[in-house]
Amino acid sequence: MPQYSLKDQLSVTSIGEESVLLDVSSGQYFGLNELGTKIIEGLMQSLSLDDILLGIVQEFDVDMDQARVDAENLLSELETAGLVFAVPSVESE
């Protein structure tokens, strides 16, 4: 699974346990639930997706497979919307 990074001109606002992503350049916004917020917070801290998922599994009543499916679906939606982009992973030689 690739790593992801947030678009540069993206504003993130937390509202309780949820958050809203705003693309400052286009005015497009995207609402996130608590799990989505945890994923975005992890990306903002430059955590790997695996580390983000481990934190979600430990904090919420969800197994790793379901957390991964949910994360992949969310990140795919955000990538299609242009709010995040995949970063090729660097393989050690």
PDB file of N, CA and C in Angstrom:
ATOM      1  N   MET A   1       0.843  -1.175   0.000  1.00  0.00           N
ATOM      2  CA  MET A   1       0.000   0.000   0.000  1.00  0.00           C
ATOM      3  C   MET A   1       0.888   1.236   0.000  1.00  0.00           C
ATOM      4  N   PRO A   2       0.597   2.205  -0.881  1.00  0.00           N
ATOM      5  CA  PRO A   2       1.437   3.406  -0.932  1.00  0.00           C
ATOM      6  C   PRO A   2       1.246   4.269   0.313  1.00  0.00           C
ATOM      7  N   GLN A   3       2.171   5.160   0.522  1.00  0.00           N
ATOM      8  CA  GLN A   3       2.024   6.161   1.569  1.00  0.00           C
ATOM      9  C   GLN A   3       1.308   7.355   0.951  1.00  0.00           C
ATOM     10  N   TYR A   4       0.727   8.186   1.775  1.00  0.00           N
ATOM     11  CA  TYR A   4      -0.026   9.333   1.285  1.00  0.00           C
ATOM     12  C   TYR A   4       0.445  10.599   1.967  1.00  0.00           C
ATOM     13  N   SER A   5       0.246  11.709   1.263  1.00  0.00           N
ATOM     14  CA  SER A   5       0.569  13.015   1.805  1.00  0.00           C
ATOM     15  C   SER A   5      -0.596  13.949   1.501  1.00  0.00           C
ATOM     16  N   LEU A   6      -0.762  14.957   2.338  1.00  0.00           N
ATOM     17  CA  LEU A   6      -1.831  15.925   2.136  1.00  0.00           C
ATOM     18  C   LEU A   6      -1.414  16.976   1.118  1.00  0.00           C
ATOM     19  N   LYS A   7      -2.369  17.468   0.363  1.00  0.00           N
ATOM     20  CA  LYS A   7      -2.136  18.563  -0.574  1.00  0.00           C
ATOM     21  C   LYS A   7      -1.630  19.771   0.213  1.00  0.00           C
ATOM     22  N   ASP A   8      -0.740  20.565  -0.403  1.00  0.00           N
ATOM     23  CA  ASP A   8      -0.154  21.713   0.289  1.00  0.00           C
ATOM     24  C   ASP A   8      -1.195  22.735   0.738  1.00  0.00           C
ATOM     25  N   GLN A   9      -2.118  23.089  -0.131  1.00  0.00           N
ATOM     26  CA  GLN A   9      -3.087  24.138   0.194  1.00  0.00           C
ATOM     27  C   GLN A   9      -4.351  23.544   0.806  1.00  0.00           C
ATOM     28  N   LEU A  10      -4.154  22.755   1.858  1.00  0.00           N
ATOM     29  CA  LEU A  10      -5.259  22.082   2.523  1.00  0.00           C
ATOM     30  C   LEU A  10      -5.329  22.548   3.969  1.00  0.00           C
ATOM     31  N   SER A  11      -6.498  22.994   4.365  1.00  0.00           N
ATOM     32  CA  SER A  11      -6.730  23.413   5.743  1.00  0.00           C
ATOM     33  C   SER A  11      -7.541  22.328   6.442  1.00  0.00           C
ATOM     34  N   VAL A  12      -7.139  21.977   7.647  1.00  0.00           N
ATOM     35  CA  VAL A  12      -7.835  20.950   8.418  1.00  0.00           C
ATOM     36  C   VAL A  12      -8.383  21.602   9.685  1.00  0.00           C
ATOM     37  N   THR A  13      -9.693  21.479   9.885  1.00  0.00           N
ATOM     38  CA  THR A  13     -10.339  22.040  11.062  1.00  0.00           C
ATOM     39  C   THR A  13     -11.035  20.930  11.829  1.00  0.00           C
ATOM     40  N   SER A  14     -10.723  20.825  13.114  1.00  0.00           N
ATOM     41  CA  SER A  14     -11.367  19.816  13.960  1.00  0.00           C
ATOM     42  C   SER A  14     -12.627  20.397  14.581  1.00  0.00           C
ATOM     43  N   ILE A  15     -13.676  19.566  14.588  1.00  0.00           N
ATOM     44  CA  ILE A  15     -14.946  19.938  15.207  1.00  0.00           C
ATOM     45  C   ILE A  15     -15.322  18.764  16.106  1.00  0.00           C
ATOM     46  N   GLY A  16     -14.934  18.851  17.362  1.00  0.00           N
ATOM     47  CA  GLY A  16     -15.133  17.719  18.264  1.00  0.00           C
ATOM     48  C   GLY A  16     -14.252  16.568  17.828  1.00  0.00           C
ATOM     49  N   GLU A  17     -14.853  15.403  17.633  1.00  0.00           N
ATOM     50  CA  GLU A  17     -14.116  14.212  17.205  1.00  0.00           C
ATOM     51  C   GLU A  17     -14.022  14.108  15.683  1.00  0.00           C
ATOM     52  N   GLU A  18     -14.673  15.021  14.976  1.00  0.00           N
ATOM     53  CA  GLU A  18     -14.686  14.993  13.516  1.00  0.00           C
ATOM     54  C   GLU A  18     -13.853  16.147  12.985  1.00  0.00           C
ATOM     55  N   SER A  19     -13.678  16.185  11.666  1.00  0.00           N
ATOM     56  CA  SER A  19     -12.925  17.280  11.073  1.00  0.00           C
ATOM     57  C   SER A  19     -13.425  17.562   9.662  1.00  0.00           C
ATOM     58  N   VAL A  20     -13.005  18.718   9.165  1.00  0.00           N
ATOM     59  CA  VAL A  20     -13.332  19.134   7.808  1.00  0.00           C
ATOM     60  C   VAL A  20     -12.030  19.494   7.113  1.00  0.00           C
ATOM     61  N   LEU A  21     -11.848  18.957   5.896  1.00  0.00           N
ATOM     62  CA  LEU A  21     -10.710  19.319   5.063  1.00  0.00           C
ATOM     63  C   LEU A  21     -11.191  20.364   4.074  1.00  0.00           C
ATOM     64  N   LEU A  22     -10.451  21.450   3.922  1.00  0.00           N
ATOM     65  CA  LEU A  22     -10.802  22.501   2.973  1.00  0.00           C
ATOM     66  C   LEU A  22      -9.632  22.728   2.036  1.00  0.00           C
ATOM     67  N   ASP A  23      -9.890  22.575   0.740  1.00  0.00           N
ATOM     68  CA  ASP A  23      -8.899  22.909  -0.282  1.00  0.00           C
ATOM     69  C   ASP A  23      -8.998  24.411  -0.490  1.00  0.00           C
ATOM     70  N   VAL A  24      -8.024  25.149   0.029  1.00  0.00           N
ATOM     71  CA  VAL A  24      -8.053  26.601   0.006  1.00  0.00           C
ATOM     72  C   VAL A  24      -8.082  27.134  -1.422  1.00  0.00           C
ATOM     73  N   SER A  25      -7.421  26.458  -2.341  1.00  0.00           N
ATOM     74  CA  SER A  25      -7.348  26.956  -3.717  1.00  0.00           C
ATOM     75  C   SER A  25      -8.656  26.798  -4.483  1.00  0.00           C
ATOM     76  N   SER A  26      -9.453  25.769  -4.175  1.00  0.00           N
ATOM     77  CA  SER A  26     -10.685  25.533  -4.935  1.00  0.00           C
ATOM     78  C   SER A  26     -11.961  25.765  -4.131  1.00  0.00           C
ATOM     79  N   GLY A  27     -11.844  25.825  -2.811  1.00  0.00           N
ATOM     80  CA  GLY A  27     -13.017  25.964  -1.964  1.00  0.00           C
ATOM     81  C   GLY A  27     -13.726  24.647  -1.704  1.00  0.00           C
ATOM     82  N   GLN A  28     -13.198  23.555  -2.240  1.00  0.00           N
ATOM     83  CA  GLN A  28     -13.793  22.234  -2.048  1.00  0.00           C
ATOM     84  C   GLN A  28     -13.536  21.772  -0.613  1.00  0.00           C
ATOM     85  N   TYR A  29     -14.559  21.168   0.004  1.00  0.00           N
ATOM     86  CA  TYR A  29     -14.374  20.652   1.355  1.00  0.00           C
ATOM     87  C   TYR A  29     -14.868  19.221   1.465  1.00  0.00           C
ATOM     88  N   PHE A  30     -14.390  18.540   2.508  1.00  0.00           N
ATOM     89  CA  PHE A  30     -14.682  17.128   2.704  1.00  0.00           C
ATOM     90  C   PHE A  30     -14.798  16.890   4.199  1.00  0.00           C
ATOM     91  N   GLY A  31     -15.925  16.357   4.657  1.00  0.00           N
ATOM     92  CA  GLY A  31     -16.127  16.067   6.074  1.00  0.00           C
ATOM     93  C   GLY A  31     -15.626  14.677   6.431  1.00  0.00           C
ATOM     94  N   LEU A  32     -15.048  14.550   7.616  1.00  0.00           N
ATOM     95  CA  LEU A  32     -14.501  13.269   8.074  1.00  0.00           C
ATOM     96  C   LEU A  32     -15.082  12.886   9.426  1.00  0.00           C
ATOM     97  N   ASN A  33     -15.354  11.596   9.596  1.00  0.00           N
ATOM     98  CA  ASN A  33     -15.767  11.091  10.902  1.00  0.00           C
ATOM     99  C   ASN A  33     -14.525  10.905  11.777  1.00  0.00           C
ATOM    100  N   GLU A  34     -14.714  10.317  12.939  1.00  0.00           N
ATOM    101  CA  GLU A  34     -13.619  10.167  13.898  1.00  0.00           C
ATOM    102  C   GLU A  34     -12.466   9.329  13.348  1.00  0.00           C
ATOM    103  N   LEU A  35     -12.772   8.220  12.675  1.00  0.00           N
ATOM    104  CA  LEU A  35     -11.698   7.387  12.122  1.00  0.00           C
ATOM    105  C   LEU A  35     -10.959   8.118  11.006  1.00  0.00           C
ATOM    106  N   GLY A  36     -11.698   8.808  10.143  1.00  0.00           N
ATOM    107  CA  GLY A  36     -11.067   9.583   9.078  1.00  0.00           C
ATOM    108  C   GLY A  36     -10.169  10.669   9.639  1.00  0.00           C
ATOM    109  N   THR A  37     -10.625  11.285  10.718  1.00  0.00           N
ATOM    110  CA  THR A  37      -9.826  12.315  11.379  1.00  0.00           C
ATOM    111  C   THR A  37      -8.513  11.736  11.900  1.00  0.00           C
ATOM    112  N   LYS A  38      -8.566  10.539  12.485  1.00  0.00           N
ATOM    113  CA  LYS A  38      -7.337   9.897  12.981  1.00  0.00           C
ATOM    114  C   LYS A  38      -6.362   9.618  11.835  1.00  0.00           C
ATOM    115  N   ILE A  39      -6.890   9.227  10.685  1.00  0.00           N
ATOM    116  CA  ILE A  39      -6.028   8.966   9.526  1.00  0.00           C
ATOM    117  C   ILE A  39      -5.351  10.255   9.079  1.00  0.00           C
ATOM    118  N   ILE A  40      -6.112  11.340   8.964  1.00  0.00           N
ATOM    119  CA  ILE A  40      -5.547  12.621   8.534  1.00  0.00           C
ATOM    120  C   ILE A  40      -4.541  13.138   9.559  1.00  0.00           C
ATOM    121  N   GLU A  41      -4.860  13.029  10.845  1.00  0.00           N
ATOM    122  CA  GLU A  41      -3.914  13.459  11.881  1.00  0.00           C
ATOM    123  C   GLU A  41      -2.605  12.689  11.768  1.00  0.00           C
ATOM    124  N   GLY A  42      -2.690  11.394  11.497  1.00  0.00           N
ATOM    125  CA  GLY A  42      -1.481  10.592  11.317  1.00  0.00           C
ATOM    126  C   GLY A  42      -0.674  11.039  10.116  1.00  0.00           C
ATOM    127  N   LEU A  43      -1.354  11.335   9.005  1.00  0.00           N
ATOM    128  CA  LEU A  43      -0.646  11.823   7.815  1.00  0.00           C
ATOM    129  C   LEU A  43       0.028  13.160   8.106  1.00  0.00           C
ATOM    130  N   MET A  44      -0.638  14.018   8.880  1.00  0.00           N
ATOM    131  CA  MET A  44      -0.057  15.317   9.230  1.00  0.00           C
ATOM    132  C   MET A  44       1.200  15.151  10.084  1.00  0.00           C
ATOM    133  N   GLN A  45       1.284  14.040  10.814  1.00  0.00           N
ATOM    134  CA  GLN A  45       2.461  13.753  11.642  1.00  0.00           C
ATOM    135  C   GLN A  45       3.496  12.925  10.891  1.00  0.00           C
ATOM    136  N   SER A  46       3.269  12.726   9.586  1.00  0.00           N
ATOM    137  CA  SER A  46       4.162  11.940   8.722  1.00  0.00           C
ATOM    138  C   SER A  46       4.309  10.494   9.182  1.00  0.00           C
ATOM    139  N   LEU A  47       3.263   9.945   9.800  1.00  0.00           N
ATOM    140  CA  LEU A  47       3.283   8.540  10.189  1.00  0.00           C
ATOM    141  C   LEU A  47       3.015   7.670   8.971  1.00  0.00           C
ATOM    142  N   SER A  48       3.548   6.463   8.981  1.00  0.00           N
ATOM    143  CA  SER A  48       3.236   5.520   7.910  1.00  0.00           C
ATOM    144  C   SER A  48       1.789   5.068   8.082  1.00  0.00           C
ATOM    145  N   LEU A  49       1.192   4.628   7.004  1.00  0.00           N
ATOM    146  CA  LEU A  49      -0.188   4.162   7.081  1.00  0.00           C
ATOM    147  C   LEU A  49      -0.306   2.971   8.028  1.00  0.00           C
ATOM    148  N   ASP A  50       0.687   2.093   8.030  1.00  0.00           N
ATOM    149  CA  ASP A  50       0.662   0.955   8.957  1.00  0.00           C
ATOM    150  C   ASP A  50       0.644   1.421  10.413  1.00  0.00           C
ATOM    151  N   ASP A  51       1.440   2.449  10.731  1.00  0.00           N
ATOM    152  CA  ASP A  51       1.453   2.974  12.098  1.00  0.00           C
ATOM    153  C   ASP A  51       0.118   3.625  12.451  1.00  0.00           C
ATOM    154  N   ILE A  52      -0.465   4.339  11.490  1.00  0.00           N
ATOM    155  CA  ILE A  52      -1.778   4.952  11.713  1.00  0.00           C
ATOM    156  C   ILE A  52      -2.813   3.867  12.006  1.00  0.00           C
ATOM    157  N   LEU A  53      -2.791   2.807  11.196  1.00  0.00           N
ATOM    158  CA  LEU A  53      -3.756   1.719  11.373  1.00  0.00           C
ATOM    159  C   LEU A  53      -3.572   1.011  12.709  1.00  0.00           C
ATOM    160  N   LEU A  54      -2.331   0.819  13.137  1.00  0.00           N
ATOM    161  CA  LEU A  54      -2.085   0.206  14.450  1.00  0.00           C
ATOM    162  C   LEU A  54      -2.714   1.035  15.565  1.00  0.00           C
ATOM    163  N   GLY A  55      -2.575   2.349  15.467  1.00  0.00           N
ATOM    164  CA  GLY A  55      -3.180   3.231  16.460  1.00  0.00           C
ATOM    165  C   GLY A  55      -4.693   3.139  16.460  1.00  0.00           C
ATOM    166  N   ILE A  56      -5.284   3.056  15.269  1.00  0.00           N
ATOM    167  CA  ILE A  56      -6.740   2.945  15.157  1.00  0.00           C
ATOM    168  C   ILE A  56      -7.221   1.633  15.759  1.00  0.00           C
ATOM    169  N   VAL A  57      -6.524   0.545  15.448  1.00  0.00           N
ATOM    170  CA  VAL A  57      -6.909  -0.771  15.979  1.00  0.00           C
ATOM    171  C   VAL A  57      -6.834  -0.779  17.506  1.00  0.00           C
ATOM    172  N   GLN A  58      -5.806  -0.121  18.060  1.00  0.00           N
ATOM    173  CA  GLN A  58      -5.650  -0.086  19.512  1.00  0.00           C
ATOM    174  C   GLN A  58      -6.708   0.794  20.180  1.00  0.00           C
ATOM    175  N   GLU A  59      -7.122   1.868  19.502  1.00  0.00           N
ATOM    176  CA  GLU A  59      -8.046   2.826  20.114  1.00  0.00           C
ATOM    177  C   GLU A  59      -9.519   2.468  19.921  1.00  0.00           C
ATOM    178  N   PHE A  60      -9.833   1.849  18.789  1.00  0.00           N
ATOM    179  CA  PHE A  60     -11.227   1.574  18.453  1.00  0.00           C
ATOM    180  C   PHE A  60     -11.476   0.070  18.376  1.00  0.00           C
ATOM    181  N   ASP A  61     -12.719  -0.302  18.438  1.00  0.00           N
ATOM    182  CA  ASP A  61     -13.103  -1.711  18.368  1.00  0.00           C
ATOM    183  C   ASP A  61     -13.210  -2.134  16.904  1.00  0.00           C
ATOM    184  N   VAL A  62     -12.066  -2.288  16.251  1.00  0.00           N
ATOM    185  CA  VAL A  62     -12.016  -2.666  14.835  1.00  0.00           C
ATOM    186  C   VAL A  62     -10.777  -3.532  14.620  1.00  0.00           C
ATOM    187  N   ASP A  63     -10.880  -4.516  13.724  1.00  0.00           N
ATOM    188  CA  ASP A  63      -9.705  -5.341  13.454  1.00  0.00           C
ATOM    189  C   ASP A  63      -8.877  -4.715  12.328  1.00  0.00           C
ATOM    190  N   MET A  64      -7.656  -5.185  12.173  1.00  0.00           N
ATOM    191  CA  MET A  64      -6.716  -4.603  11.219  1.00  0.00           C
ATOM    192  C   MET A  64      -7.244  -4.672   9.789  1.00  0.00           C
ATOM    193  N   ASP A  65      -7.837  -5.794   9.405  1.00  0.00           N
ATOM    194  CA  ASP A  65      -8.346  -5.925   8.035  1.00  0.00           C
ATOM    195  C   ASP A  65      -9.419  -4.890   7.741  1.00  0.00           C
ATOM    196  N   GLN A  66     -10.356  -4.704   8.674  1.00  0.00           N
ATOM    197  CA  GLN A  66     -11.424  -3.722   8.458  1.00  0.00           C
ATOM    198  C   GLN A  66     -10.858  -2.307   8.461  1.00  0.00           C
ATOM    199  N   ALA A  67      -9.920  -2.021   9.358  1.00  0.00           N
ATOM    200  CA  ALA A  67      -9.298  -0.698   9.404  1.00  0.00           C
ATOM    201  C   ALA A  67      -8.595  -0.396   8.083  1.00  0.00           C
ATOM    202  N   ARG A  68      -7.909  -1.386   7.520  1.00  0.00           N
ATOM    203  CA  ARG A  68      -7.193  -1.196   6.256  1.00  0.00           C
ATOM    204  C   ARG A  68      -8.171  -0.935   5.105  1.00  0.00           C
ATOM    205  N   VAL A  69      -9.257  -1.703   5.047  1.00  0.00           N
ATOM    206  CA  VAL A  69     -10.261  -1.504   3.993  1.00  0.00           C
ATOM    207  C   VAL A  69     -10.862  -0.100   4.101  1.00  0.00           C
ATOM    208  N   ASP A  70     -11.228   0.304   5.317  1.00  0.00           N
ATOM    209  CA  ASP A  70     -11.811   1.630   5.518  1.00  0.00           C
ATOM    210  C   ASP A  70     -10.826   2.729   5.128  1.00  0.00           C
ATOM    211  N   ALA A  71      -9.561   2.569   5.515  1.00  0.00           N
ATOM    212  CA  ALA A  71      -8.538   3.563   5.182  1.00  0.00           C
ATOM    213  C   ALA A  71      -8.318   3.638   3.676  1.00  0.00           C
ATOM    214  N   GLU A  72      -8.239   2.485   3.019  1.00  0.00           N
ATOM    215  CA  GLU A  72      -8.046   2.469   1.566  1.00  0.00           C
ATOM    216  C   GLU A  72      -9.206   3.157   0.857  1.00  0.00           C
ATOM    217  N   ASN A  73     -10.435   2.905   1.311  1.00  0.00           N
ATOM    218  CA  ASN A  73     -11.603   3.543   0.701  1.00  0.00           C
ATOM    219  C   ASN A  73     -11.568   5.056   0.885  1.00  0.00           C
ATOM    220  N   LEU A  74     -11.273   5.502   2.103  1.00  0.00           N
ATOM    221  CA  LEU A  74     -11.208   6.935   2.369  1.00  0.00           C
ATOM    222  C   LEU A  74     -10.109   7.594   1.552  1.00  0.00           C
ATOM    223  N   LEU A  75      -8.915   7.017   1.571  1.00  0.00           N
ATOM    224  CA  LEU A  75      -7.792   7.620   0.857  1.00  0.00           C
ATOM    225  C   LEU A  75      -8.033   7.640  -0.647  1.00  0.00           C
ATOM    226  N   SER A  76      -8.704   6.643  -1.167  1.00  0.00           N
ATOM    227  CA  SER A  76      -9.061   6.634  -2.584  1.00  0.00           C
ATOM    228  C   SER A  76     -10.007   7.790  -2.905  1.00  0.00           C
ATOM    229  N   GLU A  77     -11.007   8.011  -2.048  1.00  0.00           N
ATOM    230  CA  GLU A  77     -11.935   9.133  -2.240  1.00  0.00           C
ATOM    231  C   GLU A  77     -11.204  10.467  -2.171  1.00  0.00           C
ATOM    232  N   LEU A  78     -10.329  10.611  -1.185  1.00  0.00           N
ATOM    233  CA  LEU A  78      -9.590  11.865  -1.022  1.00  0.00           C
ATOM    234  C   LEU A  78      -8.619  12.093  -2.174  1.00  0.00           C
ATOM    235  N   GLU A  79      -8.024  11.019  -2.677  1.00  0.00           N
ATOM    236  CA  GLU A  79      -7.109  11.138  -3.817  1.00  0.00           C
ATOM    237  C   GLU A  79      -7.888  11.554  -5.066  1.00  0.00           C
ATOM    238  N   THR A  80      -9.047  10.960  -5.285  1.00  0.00           N
ATOM    239  CA  THR A  80      -9.891  11.330  -6.425  1.00  0.00           C
ATOM    240  C   THR A  80     -10.305  12.797  -6.332  1.00  0.00           C
ATOM    241  N   ALA A  81     -10.560  13.276  -5.116  1.00  0.00           N
ATOM    242  CA  ALA A  81     -10.939  14.669  -4.900  1.00  0.00           C
ATOM    243  C   ALA A  81      -9.740  15.611  -4.967  1.00  0.00           C
ATOM    244  N   GLY A  82      -8.522  15.064  -5.053  1.00  0.00           N
ATOM    245  CA  GLY A  82      -7.318  15.886  -5.138  1.00  0.00           C
ATOM    246  C   GLY A  82      -6.856  16.448  -3.809  1.00  0.00           C
ATOM    247  N   LEU A  83      -7.317  15.875  -2.703  1.00  0.00           N
ATOM    248  CA  LEU A  83      -6.951  16.385  -1.383  1.00  0.00           C
ATOM    249  C   LEU A  83      -5.735  15.691  -0.789  1.00  0.00           C
ATOM    250  N   VAL A  84      -5.450  14.484  -1.238  1.00  0.00           N
ATOM    251  CA  VAL A  84      -4.230  13.771  -0.857  1.00  0.00           C
ATOM    252  C   VAL A  84      -3.623  13.183  -2.123  1.00  0.00           C
ATOM    253  N   PHE A  85      -2.364  12.813  -2.042  1.00  0.00           N
ATOM    254  CA  PHE A  85      -1.719  12.150  -3.175  1.00  0.00           C
ATOM    255  C   PHE A  85      -0.812  11.045  -2.657  1.00  0.00           C
ATOM    256  N   ALA A  86      -0.702  10.014  -3.476  1.00  0.00           N
ATOM    257  CA  ALA A  86       0.147   8.880  -3.119  1.00  0.00           C
ATOM    258  C   ALA A  86       1.606   9.254  -3.306  1.00  0.00           C
ATOM    259  N   VAL A  87       2.427   8.825  -2.373  1.00  0.00           N
ATOM    260  CA  VAL A  87       3.868   9.048  -2.432  1.00  0.00           C
ATOM    261  C   VAL A  87       4.513   7.682  -2.613  1.00  0.00           C
ATOM    262  N   PRO A  88       5.278   7.503  -3.686  1.00  0.00           N
ATOM    263  CA  PRO A  88       5.918   6.193  -3.887  1.00  0.00           C
ATOM    264  C   PRO A  88       6.803   5.842  -2.696  1.00  0.00           C
ATOM    265  N   SER A  89       6.713   4.603  -2.248  1.00  0.00           N
ATOM    266  CA  SER A  89       7.557   4.180  -1.134  1.00  0.00           C
ATOM    267  C   SER A  89       8.963   3.922  -1.642  1.00  0.00           C
ATOM    268  N   VAL A  90       9.926   4.218  -0.798  1.00  0.00           N
ATOM    269  CA  VAL A  90      11.327   4.023  -1.147  1.00  0.00           C
ATOM    270  C   VAL A  90      11.739   2.654  -0.626  1.00  0.00           C
ATOM    271  N   GLU A  91      12.082   1.772  -1.531  1.00  0.00           N
ATOM    272  CA  GLU A  91      12.521   0.427  -1.158  1.00  0.00           C
ATOM    273  C   GLU A  91      14.021   0.451  -0.907  1.00  0.00           C
ATOM    274  N   SER A  92      14.458  -0.184   0.160  1.00  0.00           N
ATOM    275  CA  SER A  92      15.897  -0.255   0.417  1.00  0.00           C
ATOM    276  C   SER A  92      16.524  -1.273  -0.518  1.00  0.00           C
ATOM    277  N   GLU A  93      17.727  -0.951  -0.962  1.00  0.00           N
ATOM    278  CA  GLU A  93      18.411  -1.828  -1.920  1.00  0.00           C
ATOM    279  C   GLU A  93      19.276  -2.825  -1.208  1.00  0.00           C
TER     280      GLU A  93
END
